Amino acid sequence: MELTYTKVGDYYIPNLVLDEPEKFYGKYGNLRREYIREHRPTLWASLVNSGRLDDHLTTIELLAERRMDKMLPQMMEAAGVTEELKARDQMAWVGLVNNCKTRVEEIIFAELIFI
């Protein structure tokens, strides 16, 4: 590829074209991409060669986000995370919320990401 220039005043500015930036999928899509690239090379090659990698990673991201949005409130309710607890003992509330989020993420990882 030959580099061309455009004259602007007394200066020549190179005509640079950037490659298409890597698509951002979010936390779960990126985790899935890294997992299949490192641990499932046949699936990786199949998705890349067929042009379905973007669709696959976008689908995983959406499914994981929906699962988190649905399961986290249920898990928090079962663990007794309430606004009353938040007002009374903020550190306990934060600990319970983080614990619930971690448990939901473990489920998401096992069911969607690391399979």
Protein backbone atom coordinates (compact mmCIF):
# COMPACT_ATOMS: atom_id res chain seq x y z
CA MET A 1 0.00 0.00 0.00
CA GLU A 2 1.44 3.32 -1.05
CA LEU A 3 1.32 6.24 1.36
CA THR A 4 -0.20 9.38 -0.17
CA TYR A 5 -0.16 12.97 1.06
CA THR A 6 -2.42 16.01 0.90
CA LYS A 7 -0.89 19.47 0.79
CA VAL A 8 -2.34 21.80 3.41
CA GLY A 9 -0.73 25.22 3.19
CA ASP A 10 3.01 24.62 3.23
CA TYR A 11 2.70 21.16 4.81
CA TYR A 12 2.06 17.69 3.46
CA ILE A 13 -0.26 15.65 5.67
CA PRO A 14 -0.29 11.84 5.20
CA ASN A 15 -3.64 10.33 4.19
CA LEU A 16 -4.00 7.75 6.91
CA VAL A 17 -6.89 5.34 7.14
CA LEU A 18 -7.35 3.48 10.40
CA ASP A 19 -8.31 -0.15 10.40
CA GLU A 20 -11.73 -0.95 11.78
CA PRO A 21 -11.45 -0.79 15.57
CA GLU A 22 -11.94 -3.94 17.56
CA LYS A 23 -15.55 -4.23 18.60
CA PHE A 24 -16.33 -3.83 22.29
CA TYR A 25 -18.53 -6.58 23.68
CA GLY A 26 -18.51 -5.87 27.38
CA LYS A 27 -17.21 -7.94 30.24
CA TYR A 28 -18.93 -11.22 29.42
CA GLY A 29 -18.38 -11.07 25.66
CA ASN A 30 -14.69 -10.39 26.17
CA LEU A 31 -14.36 -13.22 28.71
CA ARG A 32 -16.06 -15.59 26.26
CA ARG A 33 -13.79 -14.45 23.41
CA GLU A 34 -10.65 -15.05 25.45
CA TYR A 35 -11.90 -18.43 26.66
CA ILE A 36 -12.75 -19.82 23.23
CA ARG A 37 -9.57 -18.41 21.70
CA GLU A 38 -7.40 -20.11 24.35
CA HIS A 39 -9.35 -23.29 25.20
CA ARG A 40 -11.62 -24.06 22.24
CA PRO A 41 -9.49 -23.46 19.12
CA THR A 42 -11.77 -25.45 16.81
CA LEU A 43 -14.82 -23.42 17.82
CA TRP A 44 -12.75 -20.22 17.55
CA ALA A 45 -11.64 -21.07 14.01
CA SER A 46 -15.16 -22.04 12.99
CA LEU A 47 -16.68 -18.78 14.29
CA VAL A 48 -13.94 -16.60 12.80
CA ASN A 49 -13.95 -18.32 9.40
CA SER A 50 -17.74 -18.25 9.11
CA GLY A 51 -17.97 -14.61 10.18
CA ARG A 52 -20.22 -15.48 13.13
CA LEU A 53 -17.84 -14.47 15.93
CA ASP A 54 -19.36 -11.00 16.39
CA ASP A 55 -22.89 -12.40 16.56
CA HIS A 56 -21.82 -15.11 19.00
CA LEU A 57 -20.07 -12.71 21.37
CA THR A 58 -22.88 -10.15 21.20
CA THR A 59 -25.41 -12.88 21.99
CA ILE A 60 -23.37 -14.11 24.95
CA GLU A 61 -23.05 -10.55 26.29
CA LEU A 62 -26.80 -9.94 26.04
CA LEU A 63 -27.71 -13.28 27.60
CA ALA A 64 -25.29 -12.76 30.48
CA GLU A 65 -26.54 -9.24 31.17
CA ARG A 66 -30.16 -10.42 31.15
CA ARG A 67 -29.30 -13.31 33.45
CA MET A 68 -27.54 -10.91 35.85
CA ASP A 69 -30.46 -8.45 35.77
CA LYS A 70 -32.94 -11.24 36.53
CA MET A 71 -30.99 -13.30 39.07
CA LEU A 72 -29.30 -10.59 41.14
CA PRO A 73 -32.51 -9.13 42.64
CA GLN A 74 -33.76 -12.63 43.41
CA MET A 75 -30.47 -13.58 45.04
CA MET A 76 -30.41 -10.34 47.05
CA GLU A 77 -33.96 -10.91 48.28
CA ALA A 78 -33.14 -14.46 49.33
CA ALA A 79 -30.02 -13.23 51.18
CA GLY A 80 -31.99 -10.59 53.08
CA VAL A 81 -30.52 -7.52 51.40
CA THR A 82 -32.95 -4.72 52.25
CA GLU A 83 -33.00 -0.95 52.38
CA GLU A 84 -33.48 -1.25 56.14
CA LEU A 85 -30.21 -3.21 56.38
CA LYS A 86 -28.50 -0.61 54.19
CA ALA A 87 -29.60 2.19 56.55
CA ARG A 88 -28.67 0.22 59.68
CA ASP A 89 -25.38 -1.43 58.67
CA GLN A 90 -23.92 -0.25 55.38
CA MET A 91 -20.84 -2.50 55.49
CA ALA A 92 -22.95 -5.62 55.99
CA TRP A 93 -25.21 -4.51 53.14
CA VAL A 94 -22.25 -3.98 50.78
CA GLY A 95 -20.80 -7.35 51.76
CA LEU A 96 -24.09 -9.14 51.03
CA VAL A 97 -24.57 -7.36 47.70
CA ASN A 98 -21.02 -8.22 46.60
CA ASN A 99 -21.51 -11.81 47.71
CA CYS A 100 -24.74 -12.09 45.72
CA LYS A 101 -23.15 -10.56 42.63
CA THR A 102 -20.21 -12.96 42.85
CA ARG A 103 -22.53 -15.95 43.18
CA VAL A 104 -24.60 -14.87 40.17
CA GLU A 105 -21.44 -14.32 38.12
CA GLU A 106 -20.22 -17.81 39.01
CA ILE A 107 -23.49 -19.20 37.63
CA ILE A 108 -23.16 -17.09 34.47
CA PHE A 109 -19.56 -18.20 33.99
CA ALA A 110 -20.50 -21.86 34.38
CA GLU A 111 -23.57 -21.71 32.11
CA LEU A 112 -22.55 -19.23 29.39
CA ILE A 113 -18.90 -18.29 29.36
CA PHE A 114 -16.68 -21.25 30.21
CA ILE A 115 -18.45 -24.02 28.28
